Amino acid sequence: MTDMTSNLTTEAAPKRRSAEKTEFIVYFAIIFLATLPLACLTWALAAIKSRSFTDKGPMARAWTQARIITPMIFNA
């Protein structure tokens, strides 16, 4: 059963959520760009060492790192 008497939403909530989403995207982009050079280096070294290009590419590596690091900042 749903309790409809405790609906505490306000008009400021959607605007705040939009601002938080924008802030998250900005932080994600900054972290992604910061991790991209190191991801390129580690990918190249791994490709040279294994003589194979089948592993994740540098973009995927940087994206994964940004997906891990950005929520840590927002949870702190």
PDB file of N, CA and C in Angstrom:
ATOM      1  N   MET A   1       0.844  -1.161   0.000  1.00  0.00           N
ATOM      2  CA  MET A   1       0.000   0.000   0.000  1.00  0.00           C
ATOM      3  C   MET A   1       0.901   1.241   0.000  1.00  0.00           C
ATOM      4  N   THR A   2       0.512   2.251  -0.733  1.00  0.00           N
ATOM      5  CA  THR A   2       1.306   3.463  -0.858  1.00  0.00           C
ATOM      6  C   THR A   2       0.768   4.535   0.065  1.00  0.00           C
ATOM      7  N   ASP A   3       1.662   5.220   0.774  1.00  0.00           N
ATOM      8  CA  ASP A   3       1.288   6.321   1.660  1.00  0.00           C
ATOM      9  C   ASP A   3       1.421   7.621   0.879  1.00  0.00           C
ATOM     10  N   MET A   4       0.327   8.205   0.483  1.00  0.00           N
ATOM     11  CA  MET A   4       0.332   9.427  -0.313  1.00  0.00           C
ATOM     12  C   MET A   4       0.365  10.691   0.550  1.00  0.00           C
ATOM     13  N   THR A   5       0.321  10.536   1.864  1.00  0.00           N
ATOM     14  CA  THR A   5       0.298  11.714   2.739  1.00  0.00           C
ATOM     15  C   THR A   5       1.685  12.258   3.022  1.00  0.00           C
ATOM     16  N   SER A   6       2.723  11.514   2.696  1.00  0.00           N
ATOM     17  CA  SER A   6       4.068  11.971   3.024  1.00  0.00           C
ATOM     18  C   SER A   6       4.860  12.359   1.771  1.00  0.00           C
ATOM     19  N   ASN A   7       4.199  12.903   0.792  1.00  0.00           N
ATOM     20  CA  ASN A   7       4.856  13.342  -0.423  1.00  0.00           C
ATOM     21  C   ASN A   7       5.530  14.686  -0.146  1.00  0.00           C
ATOM     22  N   LEU A   8       6.855  14.689  -0.055  1.00  0.00           N
ATOM     23  CA  LEU A   8       7.592  15.880   0.347  1.00  0.00           C
ATOM     24  C   LEU A   8       8.318  16.554  -0.807  1.00  0.00           C
ATOM     25  N   THR A   9       7.907  16.310  -2.022  1.00  0.00           N
ATOM     26  CA  THR A   9       8.586  16.927  -3.148  1.00  0.00           C
ATOM     27  C   THR A   9       8.269  18.410  -3.226  1.00  0.00           C
ATOM     28  N   THR A  10       9.260  19.171  -3.648  1.00  0.00           N
ATOM     29  CA  THR A  10       9.081  20.610  -3.831  1.00  0.00           C
ATOM     30  C   THR A  10       9.459  20.972  -5.249  1.00  0.00           C
ATOM     31  N   GLU A  11       9.244  22.176  -5.620  1.00  0.00           N
ATOM     32  CA  GLU A  11       9.570  22.602  -6.973  1.00  0.00           C
ATOM     33  C   GLU A  11      11.073  22.793  -7.152  1.00  0.00           C
ATOM     34  N   ALA A  12      11.824  22.939  -6.084  1.00  0.00           N
ATOM     35  CA  ALA A  12      13.267  23.130  -6.181  1.00  0.00           C
ATOM     36  C   ALA A  12      13.997  21.817  -6.445  1.00  0.00           C
ATOM     37  N   ALA A  13      13.366  20.687  -6.185  1.00  0.00           N
ATOM     38  CA  ALA A  13      14.023  19.392  -6.342  1.00  0.00           C
ATOM     39  C   ALA A  13      14.461  19.115  -7.780  1.00  0.00           C
ATOM     40  N   PRO A  14      13.630  19.310  -8.799  1.00  0.00           N
ATOM     41  CA  PRO A  14      14.116  19.032 -10.160  1.00  0.00           C
ATOM     42  C   PRO A  14      15.267  19.944 -10.577  1.00  0.00           C
ATOM     43  N   LYS A  15      15.247  21.185 -10.172  1.00  0.00           N
ATOM     44  CA  LYS A  15      16.322  22.099 -10.518  1.00  0.00           C
ATOM     45  C   LYS A  15      17.617  21.675  -9.839  1.00  0.00           C
ATOM     46  N   ARG A  16      17.536  21.238  -8.595  1.00  0.00           N
ATOM     47  CA  ARG A  16      18.721  20.799  -7.859  1.00  0.00           C
ATOM     48  C   ARG A  16      19.289  19.538  -8.484  1.00  0.00           C
ATOM     49  N   ARG A  17      18.423  18.602  -8.851  1.00  0.00           N
ATOM     50  CA  ARG A  17      18.888  17.362  -9.465  1.00  0.00           C
ATOM     51  C   ARG A  17      19.587  17.648 -10.789  1.00  0.00           C
ATOM     52  N   SER A  18      19.058  18.596 -11.539  1.00  0.00           N
ATOM     53  CA  SER A  18      19.667  18.978 -12.812  1.00  0.00           C
ATOM     54  C   SER A  18      21.047  19.586 -12.579  1.00  0.00           C
ATOM     55  N   ALA A  19      21.171  20.405 -11.551  1.00  0.00           N
ATOM     56  CA  ALA A  19      22.461  21.020 -11.229  1.00  0.00           C
ATOM     57  C   ALA A  19      23.473  19.959 -10.790  1.00  0.00           C
ATOM     58  N   GLU A  20      23.024  18.980 -10.002  1.00  0.00           N
ATOM     59  CA  GLU A  20      23.913  17.910  -9.564  1.00  0.00           C
ATOM     60  C   GLU A  20      24.352  17.054 -10.746  1.00  0.00           C
ATOM     61  N   LYS A  21      23.441  16.803 -11.677  1.00  0.00           N
ATOM     62  CA  LYS A  21      23.787  16.005 -12.852  1.00  0.00           C
ATOM     63  C   LYS A  21      24.807  16.748 -13.715  1.00  0.00           C
ATOM     64  N   THR A  22      24.616  18.043 -13.875  1.00  0.00           N
ATOM     65  CA  THR A  22      25.560  18.844 -14.651  1.00  0.00           C
ATOM     66  C   THR A  22      26.927  18.846 -13.987  1.00  0.00           C
ATOM     67  N   GLU A  23      26.955  18.993 -12.669  1.00  0.00           N
ATOM     68  CA  GLU A  23      28.219  18.980 -11.939  1.00  0.00           C
ATOM     69  C   GLU A  23      28.915  17.622 -12.082  1.00  0.00           C
ATOM     70  N   PHE A  24      28.149  16.543 -12.012  1.00  0.00           N
ATOM     71  CA  PHE A  24      28.716  15.204 -12.173  1.00  0.00           C
ATOM     72  C   PHE A  24      29.331  15.048 -13.554  1.00  0.00           C
ATOM     73  N   ILE A  25      28.637  15.528 -14.583  1.00  0.00           N
ATOM     74  CA  ILE A  25      29.138  15.418 -15.952  1.00  0.00           C
ATOM     75  C   ILE A  25      30.423  16.222 -16.123  1.00  0.00           C
ATOM     76  N   VAL A  26      30.488  17.402 -15.519  1.00  0.00           N
ATOM     77  CA  VAL A  26      31.695  18.225 -15.618  1.00  0.00           C
ATOM     78  C   VAL A  26      32.869  17.521 -14.940  1.00  0.00           C
ATOM     79  N   TYR A  27      32.649  17.012 -13.738  1.00  0.00           N
ATOM     80  CA  TYR A  27      33.711  16.286 -13.038  1.00  0.00           C
ATOM     81  C   TYR A  27      34.124  15.045 -13.826  1.00  0.00           C
ATOM     82  N   PHE A  28      33.157  14.327 -14.368  1.00  0.00           N
ATOM     83  CA  PHE A  28      33.458  13.131 -15.147  1.00  0.00           C
ATOM     84  C   PHE A  28      34.333  13.480 -16.342  1.00  0.00           C
ATOM     85  N   ALA A  29      33.995  14.554 -17.045  1.00  0.00           N
ATOM     86  CA  ALA A  29      34.766  14.960 -18.227  1.00  0.00           C
ATOM     87  C   ALA A  29      36.198  15.337 -17.850  1.00  0.00           C
ATOM     88  N   ILE A  30      36.357  16.063 -16.758  1.00  0.00           N
ATOM     89  CA  ILE A  30      37.696  16.460 -16.314  1.00  0.00           C
ATOM     90  C   ILE A  30      38.529  15.232 -15.948  1.00  0.00           C
ATOM     91  N   ILE A  31      37.932  14.319 -15.207  1.00  0.00           N
ATOM     92  CA  ILE A  31      38.654  13.118 -14.789  1.00  0.00           C
ATOM     93  C   ILE A  31      38.955  12.240 -15.994  1.00  0.00           C
ATOM     94  N   PHE A  32      38.014  12.134 -16.930  1.00  0.00           N
ATOM     95  CA  PHE A  32      38.243  11.347 -18.135  1.00  0.00           C
ATOM     96  C   PHE A  32      39.431  11.894 -18.921  1.00  0.00           C
ATOM     97  N   LEU A  33      39.465  13.204 -19.109  1.00  0.00           N
ATOM     98  CA  LEU A  33      40.575  13.817 -19.847  1.00  0.00           C
ATOM     99  C   LEU A  33      41.899  13.677 -19.096  1.00  0.00           C
ATOM    100  N   ALA A  34      41.842  13.685 -17.767  1.00  0.00           N
ATOM    101  CA  ALA A  34      43.062  13.540 -16.977  1.00  0.00           C
ATOM    102  C   ALA A  34      43.593  12.109 -17.025  1.00  0.00           C
ATOM    103  N   THR A  35      42.719  11.128 -17.100  1.00  0.00           N
ATOM    104  CA  THR A  35      43.159   9.732 -17.107  1.00  0.00           C
ATOM    105  C   THR A  35      43.505   9.226 -18.511  1.00  0.00           C
ATOM    106  N   LEU A  36      43.115   9.951 -19.528  1.00  0.00           N
ATOM    107  CA  LEU A  36      43.343   9.491 -20.902  1.00  0.00           C
ATOM    108  C   LEU A  36      44.826   9.311 -21.260  1.00  0.00           C
ATOM    109  N   PRO A  37      45.723  10.246 -20.934  1.00  0.00           N
ATOM    110  CA  PRO A  37      47.134  10.019 -21.286  1.00  0.00           C
ATOM    111  C   PRO A  37      47.737   8.776 -20.610  1.00  0.00           C
ATOM    112  N   LEU A  38      47.439   8.595 -19.337  1.00  0.00           N
ATOM    113  CA  LEU A  38      47.958   7.420 -18.632  1.00  0.00           C
ATOM    114  C   LEU A  38      47.347   6.137 -19.188  1.00  0.00           C
ATOM    115  N   ALA A  39      46.072   6.189 -19.543  1.00  0.00           N
ATOM    116  CA  ALA A  39      45.432   5.017 -20.135  1.00  0.00           C
ATOM    117  C   ALA A  39      46.069   4.671 -21.474  1.00  0.00           C
ATOM    118  N   CYS A  40      46.419   5.679 -22.261  1.00  0.00           N
ATOM    119  CA  CYS A  40      47.110   5.436 -23.540  1.00  0.00           C
ATOM    120  C   CYS A  40      48.465   4.776 -23.301  1.00  0.00           C
ATOM    121  N   LEU A  41      49.179   5.265 -22.322  1.00  0.00           N
ATOM    122  CA  LEU A  41      50.493   4.712 -22.012  1.00  0.00           C
ATOM    123  C   LEU A  41      50.392   3.264 -21.537  1.00  0.00           C
ATOM    124  N   THR A  42      49.489   2.992 -20.609  1.00  0.00           N
ATOM    125  CA  THR A  42      49.359   1.627 -20.094  1.00  0.00           C
ATOM    126  C   THR A  42      48.851   0.680 -21.178  1.00  0.00           C
ATOM    127  N   TRP A  43      47.968   1.159 -22.036  1.00  0.00           N
ATOM    128  CA  TRP A  43      47.475   0.326 -23.137  1.00  0.00           C
ATOM    129  C   TRP A  43      48.611  -0.005 -24.110  1.00  0.00           C
ATOM    130  N   ALA A  44      49.415   0.991 -24.435  1.00  0.00           N
ATOM    131  CA  ALA A  44      50.528   0.769 -25.366  1.00  0.00           C
ATOM    132  C   ALA A  44      51.542  -0.202 -24.772  1.00  0.00           C
ATOM    133  N   LEU A  45      51.859  -0.031 -23.503  1.00  0.00           N
ATOM    134  CA  LEU A  45      52.810  -0.949 -22.863  1.00  0.00           C
ATOM    135  C   LEU A  45      52.261  -2.372 -22.805  1.00  0.00           C
ATOM    136  N   ALA A  46      50.973  -2.504 -22.497  1.00  0.00           N
ATOM    137  CA  ALA A  46      50.368  -3.837 -22.454  1.00  0.00           C
ATOM    138  C   ALA A  46      50.314  -4.455 -23.845  1.00  0.00           C
ATOM    139  N   ALA A  47      50.043  -3.635 -24.856  1.00  0.00           N
ATOM    140  CA  ALA A  47      50.003  -4.150 -26.232  1.00  0.00           C
ATOM    141  C   ALA A  47      51.382  -4.589 -26.695  1.00  0.00           C
ATOM    142  N   ILE A  48      52.393  -3.840 -26.338  1.00  0.00           N
ATOM    143  CA  ILE A  48      53.759  -4.215 -26.711  1.00  0.00           C
ATOM    144  C   ILE A  48      54.174  -5.491 -25.977  1.00  0.00           C
ATOM    145  N   LYS A  49      53.838  -5.555 -24.710  1.00  0.00           N
ATOM    146  CA  LYS A  49      54.234  -6.714 -23.910  1.00  0.00           C
ATOM    147  C   LYS A  49      53.541  -7.989 -24.389  1.00  0.00           C
ATOM    148  N   SER A  50      52.248  -7.917 -24.658  1.00  0.00           N
ATOM    149  CA  SER A  50      51.514  -9.120 -25.057  1.00  0.00           C
ATOM    150  C   SER A  50      51.471  -9.322 -26.570  1.00  0.00           C
ATOM    151  N   ARG A  51      51.927  -8.315 -27.329  1.00  0.00           N
ATOM    152  CA  ARG A  51      51.893  -8.343 -28.793  1.00  0.00           C
ATOM    153  C   ARG A  51      50.488  -8.606 -29.318  1.00  0.00           C
ATOM    154  N   SER A  52      49.520  -8.006 -28.639  1.00  0.00           N
ATOM    155  CA  SER A  52      48.126  -8.186 -29.023  1.00  0.00           C
ATOM    156  C   SER A  52      47.367  -6.899 -28.756  1.00  0.00           C
ATOM    157  N   PHE A  53      46.455  -6.555 -29.651  1.00  0.00           N
ATOM    158  CA  PHE A  53      45.633  -5.365 -29.478  1.00  0.00           C
ATOM    159  C   PHE A  53      44.186  -5.727 -29.132  1.00  0.00           C
ATOM    160  N   THR A  54      43.999  -6.897 -28.551  1.00  0.00           N
ATOM    161  CA  THR A  54      42.641  -7.355 -28.255  1.00  0.00           C
ATOM    162  C   THR A  54      42.109  -6.843 -26.919  1.00  0.00           C
ATOM    163  N   ASP A  55      42.972  -6.299 -26.087  1.00  0.00           N
ATOM    164  CA  ASP A  55      42.509  -5.758 -24.804  1.00  0.00           C
ATOM    165  C   ASP A  55      41.708  -4.481 -25.026  1.00  0.00           C
ATOM    166  N   LYS A  56      41.140  -3.994 -23.933  1.00  0.00           N
ATOM    167  CA  LYS A  56      40.411  -2.729 -24.009  1.00  0.00           C
ATOM    168  C   LYS A  56      41.343  -1.634 -24.499  1.00  0.00           C
ATOM    169  N   GLY A  57      40.800  -0.762 -25.319  1.00  0.00           N
ATOM    170  CA  GLY A  57      41.589   0.346 -25.832  1.00  0.00           C
ATOM    171  C   GLY A  57      41.750   1.445 -24.802  1.00  0.00           C
ATOM    172  N   PRO A  58      42.518   2.474 -25.123  1.00  0.00           N
ATOM    173  CA  PRO A  58      42.764   3.544 -24.159  1.00  0.00           C
ATOM    174  C   PRO A  58      41.507   4.334 -23.799  1.00  0.00           C
ATOM    175  N   MET A  59      40.592   4.499 -24.742  1.00  0.00           N
ATOM    176  CA  MET A  59      39.353   5.229 -24.430  1.00  0.00           C
ATOM    177  C   MET A  59      38.515   4.450 -23.412  1.00  0.00           C
ATOM    178  N   ALA A  60      38.410   3.146 -23.604  1.00  0.00           N
ATOM    179  CA  ALA A  60      37.640   2.313 -22.677  1.00  0.00           C
ATOM    180  C   ALA A  60      38.285   2.286 -21.296  1.00  0.00           C
ATOM    181  N   ARG A  61      39.601   2.252 -21.261  1.00  0.00           N
ATOM    182  CA  ARG A  61      40.305   2.260 -19.973  1.00  0.00           C
ATOM    183  C   ARG A  61      40.078   3.580 -19.229  1.00  0.00           C
ATOM    184  N   ALA A  62      40.191   4.692 -19.948  1.00  0.00           N
ATOM    185  CA  ALA A  62      39.984   5.997 -19.318  1.00  0.00           C
ATOM    186  C   ALA A  62      38.533   6.153 -18.872  1.00  0.00           C
ATOM    187  N   TRP A  63      37.603   5.675 -19.677  1.00  0.00           N
ATOM    188  CA  TRP A  63      36.177   5.757 -19.335  1.00  0.00           C
ATOM    189  C   TRP A  63      35.907   4.966 -18.059  1.00  0.00           C
ATOM    190  N   THR A  64      36.483   3.775 -17.961  1.00  0.00           N
ATOM    191  CA  THR A  64      36.298   2.939 -16.774  1.00  0.00           C
ATOM    192  C   THR A  64      36.864   3.621 -15.535  1.00  0.00           C
ATOM    193  N   GLN A  65      38.043   4.198 -15.656  1.00  0.00           N
ATOM    194  CA  GLN A  65      38.646   4.890 -14.515  1.00  0.00           C
ATOM    195  C   GLN A  65      37.794   6.086 -14.084  1.00  0.00           C
ATOM    196  N   ALA A  66      37.288   6.832 -15.041  1.00  0.00           N
ATOM    197  CA  ALA A  66      36.435   7.983 -14.712  1.00  0.00           C
ATOM    198  C   ALA A  66      35.141   7.517 -14.043  1.00  0.00           C
ATOM    199  N   ARG A  67      34.592   6.386 -14.493  1.00  0.00           N
ATOM    200  CA  ARG A  67      33.373   5.851 -13.880  1.00  0.00           C
ATOM    201  C   ARG A  67      33.621   5.389 -12.450  1.00  0.00           C
ATOM    202  N   ILE A  68      34.842   4.995 -12.134  1.00  0.00           N
ATOM    203  CA  ILE A  68      35.176   4.562 -10.781  1.00  0.00           C
ATOM    204  C   ILE A  68      35.470   5.760  -9.873  1.00  0.00           C
ATOM    205  N   ILE A  69      36.232   6.726 -10.372  1.00  0.00           N
ATOM    206  CA  ILE A  69      36.716   7.834  -9.549  1.00  0.00           C
ATOM    207  C   ILE A  69      35.639   8.879  -9.271  1.00  0.00           C
ATOM    208  N   THR A  70      34.835   9.240 -10.264  1.00  0.00           N
ATOM    209  CA  THR A  70      33.859  10.327 -10.104  1.00  0.00           C
ATOM    210  C   THR A  70      32.853  10.061  -8.980  1.00  0.00           C
ATOM    211  N   PRO A  71      32.230   8.895  -8.885  1.00  0.00           N
ATOM    212  CA  PRO A  71      31.320   8.667  -7.745  1.00  0.00           C
ATOM    213  C   PRO A  71      32.010   8.734  -6.392  1.00  0.00           C
ATOM    214  N   MET A  72      33.300   8.366  -6.350  1.00  0.00           N
ATOM    215  CA  MET A  72      34.032   8.467  -5.088  1.00  0.00           C
ATOM    216  C   MET A  72      34.106   9.910  -4.609  1.00  0.00           C
ATOM    217  N   ILE A  73      34.258  10.840  -5.535  1.00  0.00           N
ATOM    218  CA  ILE A  73      34.308  12.254  -5.172  1.00  0.00           C
ATOM    219  C   ILE A  73      32.963  12.712  -4.614  1.00  0.00           C
ATOM    220  N   PHE A  74      31.879  12.288  -5.242  1.00  0.00           N
ATOM    221  CA  PHE A  74      30.551  12.712  -4.808  1.00  0.00           C
ATOM    222  C   PHE A  74      30.108  12.043  -3.530  1.00  0.00           C
ATOM    223  N   ASN A  75      30.650  10.873  -3.219  1.00  0.00           N
ATOM    224  CA  ASN A  75      30.305  10.190  -1.974  1.00  0.00           C
ATOM    225  C   ASN A  75      31.132  10.668  -0.790  1.00  0.00           C
ATOM    226  N   ALA A  76      32.208  11.379  -1.045  1.00  0.00           N
ATOM    227  CA  ALA A  76      33.089  11.835   0.033  1.00  0.00           C
ATOM    228  C   ALA A  76      32.466  12.989   0.795  1.00  0.00           C
TER     229      ALA A  76
END
